[in-house]
């Protein structure tokens, strides 16, 4: 049981480091860009990219939920 919890925790940590702006990996990308440019990014650019990242994550979540619901309705096996 604890191994399963550990695997889930590690997977969440890895997913959190994806370079999508709303996640921690996106913040690392922003900090890297600011370090290379040696000046901060504008708030407008950060806000727009975070909105795009949120829209992307929500789109993926809706797509996965739709597929799961359709699998239940059509009674198709997982594999």
PDB file of N, CA and C in Angstrom:
ATOM      1  N   UNK A   1       0.823  -1.198   0.000  1.00  0.00           N
ATOM      2  CA  UNK A   1       0.000   0.000   0.000  1.00  0.00           C
ATOM      3  C   UNK A   1       0.861   1.253   0.000  1.00  0.00           C
ATOM      4  N   UNK A   2       1.909   1.245   0.823  1.00  0.00           N
ATOM      5  CA  UNK A   2       2.765   2.426   0.908  1.00  0.00           C
ATOM      6  C   UNK A   2       3.582   2.618  -0.366  1.00  0.00           C
ATOM      7  N   UNK A   3       3.899   1.531  -1.040  1.00  0.00           N
ATOM      8  CA  UNK A   3       4.623   1.646  -2.307  1.00  0.00           C
ATOM      9  C   UNK A   3       3.734   2.318  -3.349  1.00  0.00           C
ATOM     10  N   UNK A   4       2.454   1.967  -3.362  1.00  0.00           N
ATOM     11  CA  UNK A   4       1.508   2.589  -4.286  1.00  0.00           C
ATOM     12  C   UNK A   4       1.400   4.090  -4.017  1.00  0.00           C
ATOM     13  N   UNK A   5       1.305   4.470  -2.750  1.00  0.00           N
ATOM     14  CA  UNK A   5       1.245   5.889  -2.377  1.00  0.00           C
ATOM     15  C   UNK A   5       2.523   6.599  -2.801  1.00  0.00           C
ATOM     16  N   UNK A   6       3.671   5.955  -2.621  1.00  0.00           N
ATOM     17  CA  UNK A   6       4.950   6.552  -3.007  1.00  0.00           C
ATOM     18  C   UNK A   6       5.024   6.751  -4.519  1.00  0.00           C
ATOM     19  N   UNK A   7       4.540   5.792  -5.283  1.00  0.00           N
ATOM     20  CA  UNK A   7       4.558   5.911  -6.745  1.00  0.00           C
ATOM     21  C   UNK A   7       3.666   7.064  -7.198  1.00  0.00           C
ATOM     22  N   UNK A   8       2.495   7.195  -6.594  1.00  0.00           N
ATOM     23  CA  UNK A   8       1.604   8.309  -6.931  1.00  0.00           C
ATOM     24  C   UNK A   8       2.272   9.637  -6.594  1.00  0.00           C
ATOM     25  N   UNK A   9       2.925   9.718  -5.447  1.00  0.00           N
ATOM     26  CA  UNK A   9       3.593  10.943  -5.028  1.00  0.00           C
ATOM     27  C   UNK A   9       4.722  11.313  -5.988  1.00  0.00           C
ATOM     28  N   UNK A  10       5.507  10.344  -6.407  1.00  0.00           N
ATOM     29  CA  UNK A  10       6.599  10.604  -7.345  1.00  0.00           C
ATOM     30  C   UNK A  10       6.048  11.058  -8.694  1.00  0.00           C
ATOM     31  N   UNK A  11       4.985  10.414  -9.158  1.00  0.00           N
ATOM     32  CA  UNK A  11       4.381  10.814 -10.435  1.00  0.00           C
ATOM     33  C   UNK A  11       3.822  12.229 -10.376  1.00  0.00           C
ATOM     34  N   UNK A  12       3.192  12.599  -9.269  1.00  0.00           N
ATOM     35  CA  UNK A  12       2.692  13.969  -9.127  1.00  0.00           C
ATOM     36  C   UNK A  12       3.833  14.975  -9.136  1.00  0.00           C
ATOM     37  N   UNK A  13       4.936  14.625  -8.489  1.00  0.00           N
ATOM     38  CA  UNK A  13       6.099  15.508  -8.489  1.00  0.00           C
ATOM     39  C   UNK A  13       6.670  15.697  -9.881  1.00  0.00           C
ATOM     40  N   UNK A  14       6.734  14.623 -10.649  1.00  0.00           N
ATOM     41  CA  UNK A  14       7.247  14.710 -12.022  1.00  0.00           C
ATOM     42  C   UNK A  14       6.298  15.526 -12.898  1.00  0.00           C
ATOM     43  N   UNK A  15       5.000  15.288 -12.773  1.00  0.00           N
ATOM     44  CA  UNK A  15       4.031  16.055 -13.557  1.00  0.00           C
ATOM     45  C   UNK A  15       4.060  17.535 -13.191  1.00  0.00           C
ATOM     46  N   UNK A  16       4.326  17.842 -11.937  1.00  0.00           N
ATOM     47  CA  UNK A  16       4.384  19.230 -11.496  1.00  0.00           C
ATOM     48  C   UNK A  16       5.579  19.957 -12.101  1.00  0.00           C
ATOM     49  N   UNK A  17       6.609  19.235 -12.508  1.00  0.00           N
ATOM     50  CA  UNK A  17       7.791  19.856 -13.099  1.00  0.00           C
ATOM     51  C   UNK A  17       7.697  20.019 -14.615  1.00  0.00           C
ATOM     52  N   UNK A  18       6.563  19.656 -15.215  1.00  0.00           N
ATOM     53  CA  UNK A  18       6.385  19.901 -16.646  1.00  0.00           C
ATOM     54  C   UNK A  18       6.423  21.406 -16.909  1.00  0.00           C
ATOM     55  N   UNK A  19       6.999  21.822 -18.031  1.00  0.00           N
ATOM     56  CA  UNK A  19       7.130  23.270 -18.291  1.00  0.00           C
ATOM     57  C   UNK A  19       5.844  23.932 -18.780  1.00  0.00           C
ATOM     58  N   UNK A  20       4.762  23.680 -18.089  1.00  0.00           N
ATOM     59  CA  UNK A  20       3.494  24.349 -18.363  1.00  0.00           C
ATOM     60  C   UNK A  20       3.422  25.527 -17.391  1.00  0.00           C
ATOM     61  N   UNK A  21       3.150  26.738 -17.896  1.00  0.00           N
ATOM     62  CA  UNK A  21       3.302  27.942 -17.069  1.00  0.00           C
ATOM     63  C   UNK A  21       2.599  27.945 -15.720  1.00  0.00           C
ATOM     64  N   UNK A  22       1.484  27.278 -15.566  1.00  0.00           N
ATOM     65  CA  UNK A  22       0.783  27.352 -14.287  1.00  0.00           C
ATOM     66  C   UNK A  22       1.379  26.397 -13.247  1.00  0.00           C
ATOM     67  N   UNK A  23       2.190  25.441 -13.694  1.00  0.00           N
ATOM     68  CA  UNK A  23       2.830  24.486 -12.788  1.00  0.00           C
ATOM     69  C   UNK A  23       4.199  25.010 -12.351  1.00  0.00           C
ATOM     70  N   UNK A  24       4.845  24.297 -11.425  1.00  0.00           N
ATOM     71  CA  UNK A  24       6.153  24.723 -10.935  1.00  0.00           C
ATOM     72  C   UNK A  24       7.214  24.698 -12.026  1.00  0.00           C
ATOM     73  N   UNK A  25       7.115  23.767 -12.953  1.00  0.00           N
ATOM     74  CA  UNK A  25       8.062  23.730 -14.066  1.00  0.00           C
ATOM     75  C   UNK A  25       7.981  24.986 -14.915  1.00  0.00           C
ATOM     76  N   UNK A  26       6.792  25.533 -15.055  1.00  0.00           N
ATOM     77  CA  UNK A  26       6.624  26.791 -15.778  1.00  0.00           C
ATOM     78  C   UNK A  26       7.288  27.945 -15.057  1.00  0.00           C
ATOM     79  N   UNK A  27       7.211  27.946 -13.734  1.00  0.00           N
ATOM     80  CA  UNK A  27       7.886  28.988 -12.961  1.00  0.00           C
ATOM     81  C   UNK A  27       9.397  28.874 -13.115  1.00  0.00           C
ATOM     82  N   UNK A  28       9.897  27.652 -13.177  1.00  0.00           N
ATOM     83  CA  UNK A  28      11.332  27.449 -13.395  1.00  0.00           C
ATOM     84  C   UNK A  28      11.727  27.984 -14.771  1.00  0.00           C
ATOM     85  N   UNK A  29      10.881  27.768 -15.775  1.00  0.00           N
ATOM     86  CA  UNK A  29      11.158  28.295 -17.113  1.00  0.00           C
ATOM     87  C   UNK A  29      11.171  29.816 -17.093  1.00  0.00           C
ATOM     88  N   UNK A  30      10.200  30.426 -16.418  1.00  0.00           N
ATOM     89  CA  UNK A  30      10.173  31.886 -16.330  1.00  0.00           C
ATOM     90  C   UNK A  30      11.425  32.421 -15.646  1.00  0.00           C
ATOM     91  N   UNK A  31      11.830  31.786 -14.552  1.00  0.00           N
ATOM     92  CA  UNK A  31      13.035  32.231 -13.854  1.00  0.00           C
ATOM     93  C   UNK A  31      14.275  32.047 -14.719  1.00  0.00           C
ATOM     94  N   UNK A  32      14.319  30.989 -15.504  1.00  0.00           N
ATOM     95  CA  UNK A  32      15.454  30.769 -16.405  1.00  0.00           C
ATOM     96  C   UNK A  32      15.504  31.845 -17.486  1.00  0.00           C
ATOM     97  N   UNK A  33      14.355  32.170 -18.051  1.00  0.00           N
ATOM     98  CA  UNK A  33      14.305  33.220 -19.076  1.00  0.00           C
ATOM     99  C   UNK A  33      14.736  34.553 -18.480  1.00  0.00           C
ATOM    100  N   UNK A  34      14.267  34.854 -17.271  1.00  0.00           N
ATOM    101  CA  UNK A  34      14.658  36.101 -16.624  1.00  0.00           C
ATOM    102  C   UNK A  34      16.149  36.126 -16.317  1.00  0.00           C
ATOM    103  N   UNK A  35      16.720  34.982 -15.972  1.00  0.00           N
ATOM    104  CA  UNK A  35      18.158  34.929 -15.696  1.00  0.00           C
ATOM    105  C   UNK A  35      18.964  35.136 -16.975  1.00  0.00           C
ATOM    106  N   UNK A  36      18.489  34.594 -18.089  1.00  0.00           N
ATOM    107  CA  UNK A  36      19.198  34.765 -19.358  1.00  0.00           C
ATOM    108  C   UNK A  36      19.076  36.204 -19.851  1.00  0.00           C
ATOM    109  N   UNK A  37      17.889  36.774 -19.761  1.00  0.00           N
ATOM    110  CA  UNK A  37      17.652  38.147 -20.229  1.00  0.00           C
ATOM    111  C   UNK A  37      18.183  39.191 -19.253  1.00  0.00           C
ATOM    112  N   UNK A  38      18.355  38.812 -18.007  1.00  0.00           N
ATOM    113  CA  UNK A  38      18.795  39.695 -16.918  1.00  0.00           C
ATOM    114  C   UNK A  38      17.824  40.846 -16.660  1.00  0.00           C
ATOM    115  N   UNK A  39      16.579  40.579 -16.924  1.00  0.00           N
ATOM    116  CA  UNK A  39      15.510  41.518 -16.570  1.00  0.00           C
ATOM    117  C   UNK A  39      14.217  40.723 -16.464  1.00  0.00           C
ATOM    118  N   UNK A  40      13.301  41.182 -15.649  1.00  0.00           N
ATOM    119  CA  UNK A  40      12.063  40.409 -15.443  1.00  0.00           C
ATOM    120  C   UNK A  40      11.136  40.469 -16.656  1.00  0.00           C
ATOM    121  N   UNK A  41      10.354  39.413 -16.807  1.00  0.00           N
ATOM    122  CA  UNK A  41       9.317  39.399 -17.837  1.00  0.00           C
ATOM    123  C   UNK A  41       8.174  40.304 -17.401  1.00  0.00           C
ATOM    124  N   UNK A  42       7.453  40.822 -18.370  1.00  0.00           N
ATOM    125  CA  UNK A  42       6.329  41.680 -18.016  1.00  0.00           C
ATOM    126  C   UNK A  42       5.204  40.842 -17.412  1.00  0.00           C
ATOM    127  N   UNK A  43       4.454  41.454 -16.550  1.00  0.00           N
ATOM    128  CA  UNK A  43       3.332  40.768 -15.900  1.00  0.00           C
ATOM    129  C   UNK A  43       2.298  40.311 -16.929  1.00  0.00           C
ATOM    130  N   UNK A  44       2.147  41.088 -17.994  1.00  0.00           N
ATOM    131  CA  UNK A  44       1.171  40.742 -19.029  1.00  0.00           C
ATOM    132  C   UNK A  44       1.540  39.420 -19.701  1.00  0.00           C
ATOM    133  N   UNK A  45       2.808  39.242 -20.022  1.00  0.00           N
ATOM    134  CA  UNK A  45       3.261  37.999 -20.657  1.00  0.00           C
ATOM    135  C   UNK A  45       3.064  36.821 -19.711  1.00  0.00           C
ATOM    136  N   UNK A  46       3.392  37.014 -18.447  1.00  0.00           N
ATOM    137  CA  UNK A  46       3.238  35.938 -17.466  1.00  0.00           C
ATOM    138  C   UNK A  46       1.767  35.563 -17.306  1.00  0.00           C
ATOM    139  N   UNK A  47       0.900  36.554 -17.206  1.00  0.00           N
ATOM    140  CA  UNK A  47      -0.527  36.272 -17.027  1.00  0.00           C
ATOM    141  C   UNK A  47      -1.121  35.566 -18.247  1.00  0.00           C
ATOM    142  N   UNK A  48      -0.757  36.021 -19.445  1.00  0.00           N
ATOM    143  CA  UNK A  48      -1.281  35.389 -20.660  1.00  0.00           C
ATOM    144  C   UNK A  48      -0.815  33.941 -20.753  1.00  0.00           C
ATOM    145  N   UNK A  49       0.468  33.708 -20.475  1.00  0.00           N
ATOM    146  CA  UNK A  49       0.979  32.336 -20.571  1.00  0.00           C
ATOM    147  C   UNK A  49       0.365  31.439 -19.497  1.00  0.00           C
ATOM    148  N   UNK A  50       0.093  31.974 -18.315  1.00  0.00           N
ATOM    149  CA  UNK A  50      -0.550  31.166 -17.284  1.00  0.00           C
ATOM    150  C   UNK A  50      -1.993  30.835 -17.658  1.00  0.00           C
ATOM    151  N   UNK A  51      -2.679  31.760 -18.298  1.00  0.00           N
ATOM    152  CA  UNK A  51      -4.045  31.471 -18.755  1.00  0.00           C
ATOM    153  C   UNK A  51      -4.041  30.401 -19.839  1.00  0.00           C
ATOM    154  N   UNK A  52      -3.059  30.470 -20.734  1.00  0.00           N
ATOM    155  CA  UNK A  52      -2.947  29.445 -21.776  1.00  0.00           C
ATOM    156  C   UNK A  52      -2.632  28.090 -21.149  1.00  0.00           C
ATOM    157  N   UNK A  53      -1.730  28.072 -20.165  1.00  0.00           N
ATOM    158  CA  UNK A  53      -1.399  26.825 -19.475  1.00  0.00           C
ATOM    159  C   UNK A  53      -2.598  26.237 -18.751  1.00  0.00           C
ATOM    160  N   UNK A  54      -3.379  27.093 -18.094  1.00  0.00           N
ATOM    161  CA  UNK A  54      -4.584  26.621 -17.409  1.00  0.00           C
ATOM    162  C   UNK A  54      -5.593  26.066 -18.406  1.00  0.00           C
ATOM    163  N   UNK A  55      -5.764  26.756 -19.534  1.00  0.00           N
ATOM    164  CA  UNK A  55      -6.688  26.265 -20.559  1.00  0.00           C
ATOM    165  C   UNK A  55      -6.225  24.915 -21.096  1.00  0.00           C
ATOM    166  N   UNK A  56      -4.919  24.752 -21.273  1.00  0.00           N
ATOM    167  CA  UNK A  56      -4.386  23.476 -21.758  1.00  0.00           C
ATOM    168  C   UNK A  56      -4.662  22.354 -20.766  1.00  0.00           C
ATOM    169  N   UNK A  57      -4.396  22.608 -19.487  1.00  0.00           N
ATOM    170  CA  UNK A  57      -4.614  21.581 -18.464  1.00  0.00           C
ATOM    171  C   UNK A  57      -6.095  21.230 -18.355  1.00  0.00           C
ATOM    172  N   UNK A  58      -6.962  22.235 -18.378  1.00  0.00           N
ATOM    173  CA  UNK A  58      -8.400  21.963 -18.309  1.00  0.00           C
ATOM    174  C   UNK A  58      -8.882  21.191 -19.534  1.00  0.00           C
ATOM    175  N   UNK A  59      -8.340  21.510 -20.709  1.00  0.00           N
ATOM    176  CA  UNK A  59      -8.707  20.787 -21.926  1.00  0.00           C
ATOM    177  C   UNK A  59      -8.313  19.322 -21.829  1.00  0.00           C
ATOM    178  N   UNK A  60      -7.113  19.062 -21.347  1.00  0.00           N
ATOM    179  CA  UNK A  60      -6.668  17.670 -21.187  1.00  0.00           C
ATOM    180  C   UNK A  60      -7.550  16.943 -20.176  1.00  0.00           C
ATOM    181  N   UNK A  61      -7.891  17.612 -19.064  1.00  0.00           N
ATOM    182  CA  UNK A  61      -8.733  16.982 -18.051  1.00  0.00           C
ATOM    183  C   UNK A  61     -10.120  16.662 -18.604  1.00  0.00           C
ATOM    184  N   UNK A  62     -10.701  17.570 -19.366  1.00  0.00           N
ATOM    185  CA  UNK A  62     -12.021  17.335 -19.952  1.00  0.00           C
ATOM    186  C   UNK A  62     -11.956  16.193 -20.961  1.00  0.00           C
ATOM    187  N   UNK A  63     -10.894  16.152 -21.771  1.00  0.00           N
ATOM    188  CA  UNK A  63     -10.725  15.082 -22.746  1.00  0.00           C
ATOM    189  C   UNK A  63     -10.627  13.724 -22.057  1.00  0.00           C
ATOM    190  N   UNK A  64      -9.847  13.638 -20.997  1.00  0.00           N
ATOM    191  CA  UNK A  64      -9.695  12.375 -20.269  1.00  0.00           C
ATOM    192  C   UNK A  64     -11.017  11.972 -19.618  1.00  0.00           C
ATOM    193  N   UNK A  65     -11.711  12.921 -19.011  1.00  0.00           N
ATOM    194  CA  UNK A  65     -12.999  12.628 -18.388  1.00  0.00           C
ATOM    195  C   UNK A  65     -14.012  12.152 -19.424  1.00  0.00           C
ATOM    196  N   UNK A  66     -14.045  12.802 -20.573  1.00  0.00           N
ATOM    197  CA  UNK A  66     -14.953  12.393 -21.647  1.00  0.00           C
ATOM    198  C   UNK A  66     -14.646  10.966 -22.091  1.00  0.00           C
ATOM    199  N   UNK A  67     -13.366  10.660 -22.286  1.00  0.00           N
ATOM    200  CA  UNK A  67     -12.997   9.301 -22.699  1.00  0.00           C
ATOM    201  C   UNK A  67     -13.399   8.267 -21.651  1.00  0.00           C
ATOM    202  N   UNK A  68     -13.216   8.588 -20.376  1.00  0.00           N
ATOM    203  CA  UNK A  68     -13.606   7.652 -19.323  1.00  0.00           C
ATOM    204  C   UNK A  68     -15.114   7.430 -19.303  1.00  0.00           C
ATOM    205  N   UNK A  69     -15.874   8.493 -19.447  1.00  0.00           N
ATOM    206  CA  UNK A  69     -17.334   8.366 -19.442  1.00  0.00           C
ATOM    207  C   UNK A  69     -17.805   7.569 -20.655  1.00  0.00           C
ATOM    208  N   UNK A  70     -17.227   7.832 -21.824  1.00  0.00           N
ATOM    209  CA  UNK A  70     -17.614   7.082 -23.021  1.00  0.00           C
ATOM    210  C   UNK A  70     -17.225   5.615 -22.899  1.00  0.00           C
ATOM    211  N   UNK A  71     -16.128   5.323 -22.245  1.00  0.00           N
ATOM    212  CA  UNK A  71     -15.727   3.926 -22.042  1.00  0.00           C
ATOM    213  C   UNK A  71     -16.740   3.219 -21.142  1.00  0.00           C
ATOM    214  N   UNK A  72     -17.243   3.915 -20.125  1.00  0.00           N
ATOM    215  CA  UNK A  72     -18.238   3.314 -19.234  1.00  0.00           C
ATOM    216  C   UNK A  72     -19.559   3.104 -19.978  1.00  0.00           C
ATOM    217  N   UNK A  73     -19.975   4.094 -20.765  1.00  0.00           N
ATOM    218  CA  UNK A  73     -21.249   3.999 -21.478  1.00  0.00           C
ATOM    219  C   UNK A  73     -21.216   2.895 -22.526  1.00  0.00           C
ATOM    220  N   UNK A  74     -20.142   2.812 -23.294  1.00  0.00           N
ATOM    221  CA  UNK A  74     -20.066   1.818 -24.370  1.00  0.00           C
ATOM    222  C   UNK A  74     -19.586   0.466 -23.877  1.00  0.00           C
ATOM    223  N   UNK A  75     -19.188   0.386 -22.617  1.00  0.00           N
ATOM    224  CA  UNK A  75     -18.755  -0.857 -21.984  1.00  0.00           C
ATOM    225  C   UNK A  75     -17.551  -1.486 -22.685  1.00  0.00           C
ATOM    226  N   UNK A  76     -16.636  -0.639 -23.158  1.00  0.00           N
ATOM    227  CA  UNK A  76     -15.410  -1.135 -23.778  1.00  0.00           C
ATOM    228  C   UNK A  76     -14.384  -1.437 -22.694  1.00  0.00           C
ATOM    229  N   UNK A  77     -13.594  -2.489 -22.890  1.00  0.00           N
ATOM    230  CA  UNK A  77     -12.537  -2.769 -21.906  1.00  0.00           C
ATOM    231  C   UNK A  77     -11.423  -1.728 -21.993  1.00  0.00           C
ATOM    232  N   UNK A  78     -10.647  -1.628 -20.925  1.00  0.00           N
ATOM    233  CA  UNK A  78      -9.573  -0.641 -20.875  1.00  0.00           C
ATOM    234  C   UNK A  78      -8.485  -0.959 -21.881  1.00  0.00           C
ATOM    235  N   UNK A  79      -8.153  -2.253 -22.028  1.00  0.00           N
ATOM    236  CA  UNK A  79      -7.099  -2.640 -22.974  1.00  0.00           C
ATOM    237  C   UNK A  79      -7.629  -3.599 -24.000  1.00  0.00           C
TER     238      UNK A  79
END
